Amino acid sequence: MTNLCLWFPPTADNHMEGWLSVPNKQNIKKYGWRKQYVVVSSRKVLFYSSEADKQKYAPMLVLDIE
């Protein structure tokens, strides 16, 4: 597993968001990749199926960064 280090300059609205390709399963040659909409803040990474889902639904996955 690779460690990821994120640094954000201090601002009032401290987050980034956009599309991220993630593997469907461990064997990417067989199962491929899928796009997910991701919101990254200084404390969490939130995964959604689409940008519209961000407004309507709870995230599919939440990762705590600490």
Protein backbone atom coordinates (compact mmCIF):
# COMPACT_ATOMS: atom_id res chain seq x y z
CA MET A 1 0.00 0.00 0.00
CA THR A 2 1.24 3.48 -0.85
CA ASN A 3 0.98 6.30 1.66
CA LEU A 4 -0.51 9.55 0.42
CA CYS A 5 0.40 12.89 1.92
CA LEU A 6 -1.89 15.85 1.27
CA TRP A 7 -1.11 19.44 2.19
CA PHE A 8 -3.58 22.31 1.94
CA PRO A 9 -2.71 25.97 2.45
CA PRO A 10 -4.92 27.43 5.20
CA THR A 11 -8.11 28.92 3.77
CA ALA A 12 -11.69 29.36 4.96
CA ASP A 13 -13.06 26.71 2.55
CA ASN A 14 -10.32 24.12 2.66
CA HIS A 15 -11.30 21.40 0.17
CA MET A 16 -10.74 20.07 -3.33
CA GLU A 17 -13.15 18.06 -5.44
CA GLY A 18 -13.24 16.34 -8.80
CA TRP A 19 -13.24 13.04 -10.65
CA LEU A 20 -10.93 10.17 -9.70
CA SER A 21 -10.47 6.83 -11.46
CA VAL A 22 -10.41 3.94 -8.99
CA PRO A 23 -9.94 0.23 -9.72
CA ASN A 24 -13.10 -1.90 -9.79
CA LYS A 25 -11.28 -4.79 -8.14
CA GLN A 26 -7.68 -5.79 -7.53
CA ASN A 27 -7.17 -7.10 -11.08
CA ILE A 28 -7.45 -3.91 -13.16
CA LYS A 29 -6.63 -5.73 -16.42
CA LYS A 30 -9.70 -7.94 -15.98
CA TYR A 31 -12.14 -5.56 -14.24
CA GLY A 32 -10.91 -2.11 -15.31
CA TRP A 33 -11.44 1.27 -13.70
CA ARG A 34 -14.47 3.36 -12.74
CA LYS A 35 -14.78 7.08 -12.16
CA GLN A 36 -15.98 8.41 -8.83
CA TYR A 37 -16.55 11.98 -7.71
CA VAL A 38 -14.30 12.76 -4.73
CA VAL A 39 -14.28 15.60 -2.19
CA VAL A 40 -11.06 15.99 -0.20
CA SER A 41 -10.91 18.16 2.92
CA SER A 42 -8.18 18.53 5.52
CA ARG A 43 -9.74 15.68 7.56
CA LYS A 44 -11.74 13.43 5.19
CA VAL A 45 -11.99 12.00 1.68
CA LEU A 46 -15.60 11.50 0.53
CA PHE A 47 -16.45 9.25 -2.46
CA TYR A 48 -19.67 9.67 -4.50
CA SER A 49 -20.98 7.95 -7.65
CA SER A 50 -21.48 11.31 -9.39
CA GLU A 51 -21.29 15.04 -8.80
CA ALA A 52 -25.11 15.16 -8.55
CA ASP A 53 -25.05 12.49 -5.81
CA LYS A 54 -22.98 14.86 -3.67
CA GLN A 55 -26.05 17.08 -3.22
CA LYS A 56 -28.62 14.28 -2.80
CA TYR A 57 -27.01 11.33 -1.01
CA ALA A 58 -24.56 10.38 1.70
CA PRO A 59 -21.09 9.42 0.41
CA MET A 60 -20.46 5.82 -0.68
CA LEU A 61 -17.20 5.78 1.28
CA VAL A 62 -15.60 8.11 3.83
CA LEU A 63 -11.88 7.94 4.64
CA ASP A 64 -10.56 9.80 7.68
CA ILE A 65 -7.21 11.56 7.22
CA GLU A 66 -5.29 11.91 10.43
